[in-house]
Amino acid sequence: LESMQKMTEEHTDQMEEEINLLFNFAQGAANVWDVHEVGLAKLEKELQEHLENSRHRHDQSIQEKEANLDI
């Protein structure tokens, strides 16, 4: 019985170590994901601003052309 208890404790210690390693790995992956997500959000904002600026310039150009047609 004592031998079984010792084996169980050793197995528990080994499992705890493996769980900690897995947790550290998952935590690192989550950190990489967070950094990537922040970068994508920044890029999305920049692209949205560029799109809005392009749309504004295009709208102005169309309005100028329409005004010239009316003359």
PDB file of N, CA and C in Angstrom:
ATOM      1  N   LEU A   1       0.832  -1.203   0.000  1.00  0.00           N
ATOM      2  CA  LEU A   1       0.000   0.000   0.000  1.00  0.00           C
ATOM      3  C   LEU A   1       0.870   1.259   0.000  1.00  0.00           C
ATOM      4  N   GLU A   2       1.947   1.214   0.775  1.00  0.00           N
ATOM      5  CA  GLU A   2       2.859   2.351   0.847  1.00  0.00           C
ATOM      6  C   GLU A   2       3.539   2.588  -0.502  1.00  0.00           C
ATOM      7  N   SER A   3       3.870   1.504  -1.185  1.00  0.00           N
ATOM      8  CA  SER A   3       4.494   1.603  -2.508  1.00  0.00           C
ATOM      9  C   SER A   3       3.536   2.250  -3.512  1.00  0.00           C
ATOM     10  N   MET A   4       2.273   1.873  -3.438  1.00  0.00           N
ATOM     11  CA  MET A   4       1.263   2.447  -4.337  1.00  0.00           C
ATOM     12  C   MET A   4       1.080   3.938  -4.055  1.00  0.00           C
ATOM     13  N   GLN A   5       1.109   4.297  -2.780  1.00  0.00           N
ATOM     14  CA  GLN A   5       0.953   5.700  -2.406  1.00  0.00           C
ATOM     15  C   GLN A   5       2.133   6.521  -2.931  1.00  0.00           C
ATOM     16  N   LYS A   6       3.339   5.963  -2.829  1.00  0.00           N
ATOM     17  CA  LYS A   6       4.519   6.659  -3.322  1.00  0.00           C
ATOM     18  C   LYS A   6       4.444   6.831  -4.835  1.00  0.00           C
ATOM     19  N   MET A   7       4.021   5.792  -5.551  1.00  0.00           N
ATOM     20  CA  MET A   7       3.883   5.870  -7.001  1.00  0.00           C
ATOM     21  C   MET A   7       2.829   6.910  -7.390  1.00  0.00           C
ATOM     22  N   THR A   8       1.752   6.958  -6.633  1.00  0.00           N
ATOM     23  CA  THR A   8       0.694   7.935  -6.900  1.00  0.00           C
ATOM     24  C   THR A   8       1.215   9.348  -6.702  1.00  0.00           C
ATOM     25  N   GLU A   9       1.978   9.568  -5.650  1.00  0.00           N
ATOM     26  CA  GLU A   9       2.555  10.891  -5.398  1.00  0.00           C
ATOM     27  C   GLU A   9       3.531  11.287  -6.506  1.00  0.00           C
ATOM     28  N   GLU A  10       4.353  10.338  -6.945  1.00  0.00           N
ATOM     29  CA  GLU A  10       5.292  10.620  -8.032  1.00  0.00           C
ATOM     30  C   GLU A  10       4.541  10.957  -9.321  1.00  0.00           C
ATOM     31  N   HIS A  11       3.503  10.189  -9.585  1.00  0.00           N
ATOM     32  CA  HIS A  11       2.693  10.434 -10.779  1.00  0.00           C
ATOM     33  C   HIS A  11       2.016  11.806 -10.689  1.00  0.00           C
ATOM     34  N   THR A  12       1.524  12.140  -9.515  1.00  0.00           N
ATOM     35  CA  THR A  12       0.885  13.445  -9.309  1.00  0.00           C
ATOM     36  C   THR A  12       1.888  14.571  -9.530  1.00  0.00           C
ATOM     37  N   ASP A  13       3.090  14.414  -9.004  1.00  0.00           N
ATOM     38  CA  ASP A  13       4.132  15.429  -9.196  1.00  0.00           C
ATOM     39  C   ASP A  13       4.476  15.589 -10.675  1.00  0.00           C
ATOM     40  N   GLN A  14       4.589  14.456 -11.371  1.00  0.00           N
ATOM     41  CA  GLN A  14       4.903  14.497 -12.799  1.00  0.00           C
ATOM     42  C   GLN A  14       3.772  15.184 -13.576  1.00  0.00           C
ATOM     43  N   MET A  15       2.545  14.853 -13.257  1.00  0.00           N
ATOM     44  CA  MET A  15       1.397  15.466 -13.930  1.00  0.00           C
ATOM     45  C   MET A  15       1.348  16.969 -13.656  1.00  0.00           C
ATOM     46  N   GLU A  16       1.641  17.360 -12.427  1.00  0.00           N
ATOM     47  CA  GLU A  16       1.641  18.782 -12.077  1.00  0.00           C
ATOM     48  C   GLU A  16       2.696  19.529 -12.896  1.00  0.00           C
ATOM     49  N   GLU A  17       3.862  18.934 -13.041  1.00  0.00           N
ATOM     50  CA  GLU A  17       4.924  19.559 -13.827  1.00  0.00           C
ATOM     51  C   GLU A  17       4.504  19.686 -15.293  1.00  0.00           C
ATOM     52  N   GLU A  18       3.908  18.634 -15.840  1.00  0.00           N
ATOM     53  CA  GLU A  18       3.468  18.671 -17.236  1.00  0.00           C
ATOM     54  C   GLU A  18       2.341  19.684 -17.441  1.00  0.00           C
ATOM     55  N   ILE A  19       1.447  19.781 -16.487  1.00  0.00           N
ATOM     56  CA  ILE A  19       0.360  20.761 -16.576  1.00  0.00           C
ATOM     57  C   ILE A  19       0.925  22.174 -16.540  1.00  0.00           C
ATOM     58  N   ASN A  20       1.910  22.408 -15.682  1.00  0.00           N
ATOM     59  CA  ASN A  20       2.548  23.727 -15.627  1.00  0.00           C
ATOM     60  C   ASN A  20       3.240  24.066 -16.944  1.00  0.00           C
ATOM     61  N   LEU A  21       3.916  23.082 -17.546  1.00  0.00           N
ATOM     62  CA  LEU A  21       4.553  23.309 -18.844  1.00  0.00           C
ATOM     63  C   LEU A  21       3.510  23.632 -19.914  1.00  0.00           C
ATOM     64  N   LEU A  22       2.423  22.888 -19.909  1.00  0.00           N
ATOM     65  CA  LEU A  22       1.346  23.129 -20.869  1.00  0.00           C
ATOM     66  C   LEU A  22       0.728  24.509 -20.659  1.00  0.00           C
ATOM     67  N   PHE A  23       0.527  24.886 -19.409  1.00  0.00           N
ATOM     68  CA  PHE A  23      -0.026  26.210 -19.102  1.00  0.00           C
ATOM     69  C   PHE A  23       0.901  27.310 -19.606  1.00  0.00           C
ATOM     70  N   ASN A  24       2.196  27.166 -19.357  1.00  0.00           N
ATOM     71  CA  ASN A  24       3.158  28.172 -19.816  1.00  0.00           C
ATOM     72  C   ASN A  24       3.165  28.276 -21.336  1.00  0.00           C
ATOM     73  N   PHE A  25       3.071  27.132 -22.008  1.00  0.00           N
ATOM     74  CA  PHE A  25       3.012  27.136 -23.471  1.00  0.00           C
ATOM     75  C   PHE A  25       1.752  27.851 -23.953  1.00  0.00           C
ATOM     76  N   ALA A  26       0.612  27.507 -23.370  1.00  0.00           N
ATOM     77  CA  ALA A  26      -0.653  28.125 -23.770  1.00  0.00           C
ATOM     78  C   ALA A  26      -0.653  29.617 -23.463  1.00  0.00           C
ATOM     79  N   GLN A  27      -0.072  29.995 -22.354  1.00  0.00           N
ATOM     80  CA  GLN A  27       0.003  31.407 -21.985  1.00  0.00           C
ATOM     81  C   GLN A  27       0.859  32.175 -22.997  1.00  0.00           C
ATOM     82  N   GLY A  28       1.956  31.586 -23.418  1.00  0.00           N
ATOM     83  CA  GLY A  28       2.800  32.213 -24.435  1.00  0.00           C
ATOM     84  C   GLY A  28       2.064  32.361 -25.756  1.00  0.00           C
ATOM     85  N   ALA A  29       1.337  31.311 -26.152  1.00  0.00           N
ATOM     86  CA  ALA A  29       0.567  31.375 -27.395  1.00  0.00           C
ATOM     87  C   ALA A  29      -0.517  32.443 -27.302  1.00  0.00           C
ATOM     88  N   ALA A  30      -1.163  32.553 -26.156  1.00  0.00           N
ATOM     89  CA  ALA A  30      -2.197  33.579 -25.969  1.00  0.00           C
ATOM     90  C   ALA A  30      -1.590  34.972 -26.052  1.00  0.00           C
ATOM     91  N   ASN A  31      -0.395  35.138 -25.525  1.00  0.00           N
ATOM     92  CA  ASN A  31       0.282  36.434 -25.595  1.00  0.00           C
ATOM     93  C   ASN A  31       0.607  36.796 -27.046  1.00  0.00           C
ATOM     94  N   VAL A  32       1.113  35.826 -27.801  1.00  0.00           N
ATOM     95  CA  VAL A  32       1.404  36.062 -29.220  1.00  0.00           C
ATOM     96  C   VAL A  32       0.123  36.442 -29.957  1.00  0.00           C
ATOM     97  N   TRP A  33      -0.964  35.733 -29.655  1.00  0.00           N
ATOM     98  CA  TRP A  33      -2.253  36.032 -30.286  1.00  0.00           C
ATOM     99  C   TRP A  33      -2.696  37.460 -29.957  1.00  0.00           C
ATOM    100  N   ASP A  34      -2.569  37.860 -28.698  1.00  0.00           N
ATOM    101  CA  ASP A  34      -2.974  39.214 -28.293  1.00  0.00           C
ATOM    102  C   ASP A  34      -2.175  40.278 -29.042  1.00  0.00           C
ATOM    103  N   VAL A  35      -0.869  40.079 -29.145  1.00  0.00           N
ATOM    104  CA  VAL A  35      -0.022  41.039 -29.861  1.00  0.00           C
ATOM    105  C   VAL A  35      -0.436  41.099 -31.329  1.00  0.00           C
ATOM    106  N   HIS A  36      -0.687  39.941 -31.919  1.00  0.00           N
ATOM    107  CA  HIS A  36      -1.111  39.876 -33.319  1.00  0.00           C
ATOM    108  C   HIS A  36      -2.456  40.582 -33.507  1.00  0.00           C
ATOM    109  N   GLU A  37      -3.372  40.356 -32.589  1.00  0.00           N
ATOM    110  CA  GLU A  37      -4.704  40.965 -32.670  1.00  0.00           C
ATOM    111  C   GLU A  37      -4.614  42.492 -32.576  1.00  0.00           C
ATOM    112  N   VAL A  38      -3.766  42.993 -31.692  1.00  0.00           N
ATOM    113  CA  VAL A  38      -3.582  44.445 -31.561  1.00  0.00           C
ATOM    114  C   VAL A  38      -3.005  45.014 -32.859  1.00  0.00           C
ATOM    115  N   GLY A  39      -2.039  44.319 -33.431  1.00  0.00           N
ATOM    116  CA  GLY A  39      -1.453  44.757 -34.698  1.00  0.00           C
ATOM    117  C   GLY A  39      -2.479  44.788 -35.820  1.00  0.00           C
ATOM    118  N   LEU A  40      -3.328  43.766 -35.870  1.00  0.00           N
ATOM    119  CA  LEU A  40      -4.371  43.732 -36.894  1.00  0.00           C
ATOM    120  C   LEU A  40      -5.381  44.851 -36.697  1.00  0.00           C
ATOM    121  N   ALA A  41      -5.730  45.142 -35.463  1.00  0.00           N
ATOM    122  CA  ALA A  41      -6.676  46.229 -35.185  1.00  0.00           C
ATOM    123  C   ALA A  41      -6.088  47.566 -35.630  1.00  0.00           C
ATOM    124  N   LYS A  42      -4.805  47.764 -35.383  1.00  0.00           N
ATOM    125  CA  LYS A  42      -4.140  49.001 -35.808  1.00  0.00           C
ATOM    126  C   LYS A  42      -4.137  49.105 -37.331  1.00  0.00           C
ATOM    127  N   LEU A  43      -3.810  48.009 -37.991  1.00  0.00           N
ATOM    128  CA  LEU A  43      -3.795  47.996 -39.451  1.00  0.00           C
ATOM    129  C   LEU A  43      -5.191  48.242 -40.013  1.00  0.00           C
ATOM    130  N   GLU A  44      -6.192  47.636 -39.398  1.00  0.00           N
ATOM    131  CA  GLU A  44      -7.567  47.842 -39.849  1.00  0.00           C
ATOM    132  C   GLU A  44      -7.960  49.317 -39.736  1.00  0.00           C
ATOM    133  N   LYS A  45      -7.587  49.947 -38.641  1.00  0.00           N
ATOM    134  CA  LYS A  45      -7.896  51.369 -38.454  1.00  0.00           C
ATOM    135  C   LYS A  45      -7.212  52.214 -39.524  1.00  0.00           C
ATOM    136  N   GLU A  46      -5.939  51.925 -39.799  1.00  0.00           N
ATOM    137  CA  GLU A  46      -5.207  52.665 -40.827  1.00  0.00           C
ATOM    138  C   GLU A  46      -5.852  52.485 -42.197  1.00  0.00           C
ATOM    139  N   LEU A  47      -6.243  51.258 -42.514  1.00  0.00           N
ATOM    140  CA  LEU A  47      -6.886  50.996 -43.802  1.00  0.00           C
ATOM    141  C   LEU A  47      -8.234  51.699 -43.905  1.00  0.00           C
ATOM    142  N   GLN A  48      -8.982  51.711 -42.808  1.00  0.00           N
ATOM    143  CA  GLN A  48     -10.276  52.392 -42.795  1.00  0.00           C
ATOM    144  C   GLN A  48     -10.091  53.890 -43.027  1.00  0.00           C
ATOM    145  N   GLU A  49      -9.091  54.474 -42.387  1.00  0.00           N
ATOM    146  CA  GLU A  49      -8.809  55.898 -42.586  1.00  0.00           C
ATOM    147  C   GLU A  49      -8.404  56.175 -44.030  1.00  0.00           C
ATOM    148  N   HIS A  50      -7.580  55.308 -44.591  1.00  0.00           N
ATOM    149  CA  HIS A  50      -7.161  55.468 -45.982  1.00  0.00           C
ATOM    150  C   HIS A  50      -8.374  55.374 -46.917  1.00  0.00           C
ATOM    151  N   LEU A  51      -9.248  54.425 -46.654  1.00  0.00           N
ATOM    152  CA  LEU A  51     -10.457  54.269 -47.459  1.00  0.00           C
ATOM    153  C   LEU A  51     -11.331  55.516 -47.378  1.00  0.00           C
ATOM    154  N   GLU A  52     -11.516  56.036 -46.184  1.00  0.00           N
ATOM    155  CA  GLU A  52     -12.333  57.240 -46.011  1.00  0.00           C
ATOM    156  C   GLU A  52     -11.718  58.434 -46.733  1.00  0.00           C
ATOM    157  N   ASN A  53     -10.395  58.587 -46.647  1.00  0.00           N
ATOM    158  CA  ASN A  53      -9.718  59.679 -47.354  1.00  0.00           C
ATOM    159  C   ASN A  53      -9.863  59.534 -48.865  1.00  0.00           C
ATOM    160  N   SER A  54      -9.690  58.325 -49.359  1.00  0.00           N
ATOM    161  CA  SER A  54      -9.837  58.081 -50.798  1.00  0.00           C
ATOM    162  C   SER A  54     -11.264  58.353 -51.247  1.00  0.00           C
ATOM    163  N   ARG A  55     -12.224  57.910 -50.449  1.00  0.00           N
ATOM    164  CA  ARG A  55     -13.630  58.137 -50.780  1.00  0.00           C
ATOM    165  C   ARG A  55     -13.935  59.637 -50.810  1.00  0.00           C
ATOM    166  N   HIS A  56     -13.392  60.367 -49.856  1.00  0.00           N
ATOM    167  CA  HIS A  56     -13.626  61.811 -49.797  1.00  0.00           C
ATOM    168  C   HIS A  56     -13.038  62.500 -51.038  1.00  0.00           C
ATOM    169  N   ARG A  57     -11.799  62.141 -51.394  1.00  0.00           N
ATOM    170  CA  ARG A  57     -11.173  62.730 -52.589  1.00  0.00           C
ATOM    171  C   ARG A  57     -11.970  62.384 -53.845  1.00  0.00           C
ATOM    172  N   HIS A  58     -12.423  61.157 -53.934  1.00  0.00           N
ATOM    173  CA  HIS A  58     -13.202  60.723 -55.094  1.00  0.00           C
ATOM    174  C   HIS A  58     -14.525  61.494 -55.167  1.00  0.00           C
ATOM    175  N   ASP A  59     -15.202  61.629 -54.043  1.00  0.00           N
ATOM    176  CA  ASP A  59     -16.469  62.377 -54.013  1.00  0.00           C
ATOM    177  C   ASP A  59     -16.260  63.825 -54.440  1.00  0.00           C
ATOM    178  N   GLN A  60     -15.172  64.430 -53.970  1.00  0.00           N
ATOM    179  CA  GLN A  60     -14.876  65.815 -54.363  1.00  0.00           C
ATOM    180  C   GLN A  60     -14.634  65.911 -55.867  1.00  0.00           C
ATOM    181  N   SER A  61     -13.897  64.962 -56.393  1.00  0.00           N
ATOM    182  CA  SER A  61     -13.604  64.956 -57.823  1.00  0.00           C
ATOM    183  C   SER A  61     -14.893  64.820 -58.632  1.00  0.00           C
ATOM    184  N   ILE A  62     -15.770  63.946 -58.210  1.00  0.00           N
ATOM    185  CA  ILE A  62     -17.054  63.749 -58.901  1.00  0.00           C
ATOM    186  C   ILE A  62     -17.874  65.031 -58.841  1.00  0.00           C
ATOM    187  N   GLN A  63     -17.920  65.667 -57.677  1.00  0.00           N
ATOM    188  CA  GLN A  63     -18.691  66.909 -57.543  1.00  0.00           C
ATOM    189  C   GLN A  63     -18.138  67.997 -58.458  1.00  0.00           C
ATOM    190  N   GLU A  64     -16.811  68.102 -58.545  1.00  0.00           N
ATOM    191  CA  GLU A  64     -16.201  69.099 -59.432  1.00  0.00           C
ATOM    192  C   GLU A  64     -16.543  68.813 -60.890  1.00  0.00           C
ATOM    193  N   LYS A  65     -16.489  67.548 -61.275  1.00  0.00           N
ATOM    194  CA  LYS A  65     -16.824  67.178 -62.656  1.00  0.00           C
ATOM    195  C   LYS A  65     -18.292  67.462 -62.956  1.00  0.00           C
ATOM    196  N   GLU A  66     -19.171  67.158 -62.003  1.00  0.00           N
ATOM    197  CA  GLU A  66     -20.595  67.432 -62.191  1.00  0.00           C
ATOM    198  C   GLU A  66     -20.843  68.937 -62.300  1.00  0.00           C
ATOM    199  N   ALA A  67     -20.126  69.714 -61.501  1.00  0.00           N
ATOM    200  CA  ALA A  67     -20.282  71.171 -61.551  1.00  0.00           C
ATOM    201  C   ALA A  67     -19.835  71.705 -62.909  1.00  0.00           C
ATOM    202  N   ASN A  68     -18.777  71.140 -63.456  1.00  0.00           N
ATOM    203  CA  ASN A  68     -18.290  71.570 -64.767  1.00  0.00           C
ATOM    204  C   ASN A  68     -19.256  71.180 -65.878  1.00  0.00           C
ATOM    205  N   LEU A  69     -19.979  70.088 -65.697  1.00  0.00           N
ATOM    206  CA  LEU A  69     -20.970  69.681 -66.696  1.00  0.00           C
ATOM    207  C   LEU A  69     -22.144  70.647 -66.724  1.00  0.00           C
ATOM    208  N   ASP A  70     -22.476  71.205 -65.583  1.00  0.00           N
ATOM    209  CA  ASP A  70     -23.619  72.114 -65.484  1.00  0.00           C
ATOM    210  C   ASP A  70     -23.330  73.462 -66.122  1.00  0.00           C
ATOM    211  N   ILE A  71     -22.074  73.787 -66.311  1.00  0.00           N
ATOM    212  CA  ILE A  71     -21.707  75.114 -66.839  1.00  0.00           C
ATOM    213  C   ILE A  71     -22.002  75.226 -68.295  1.00  0.00           C
TER     214      ILE A  71
END
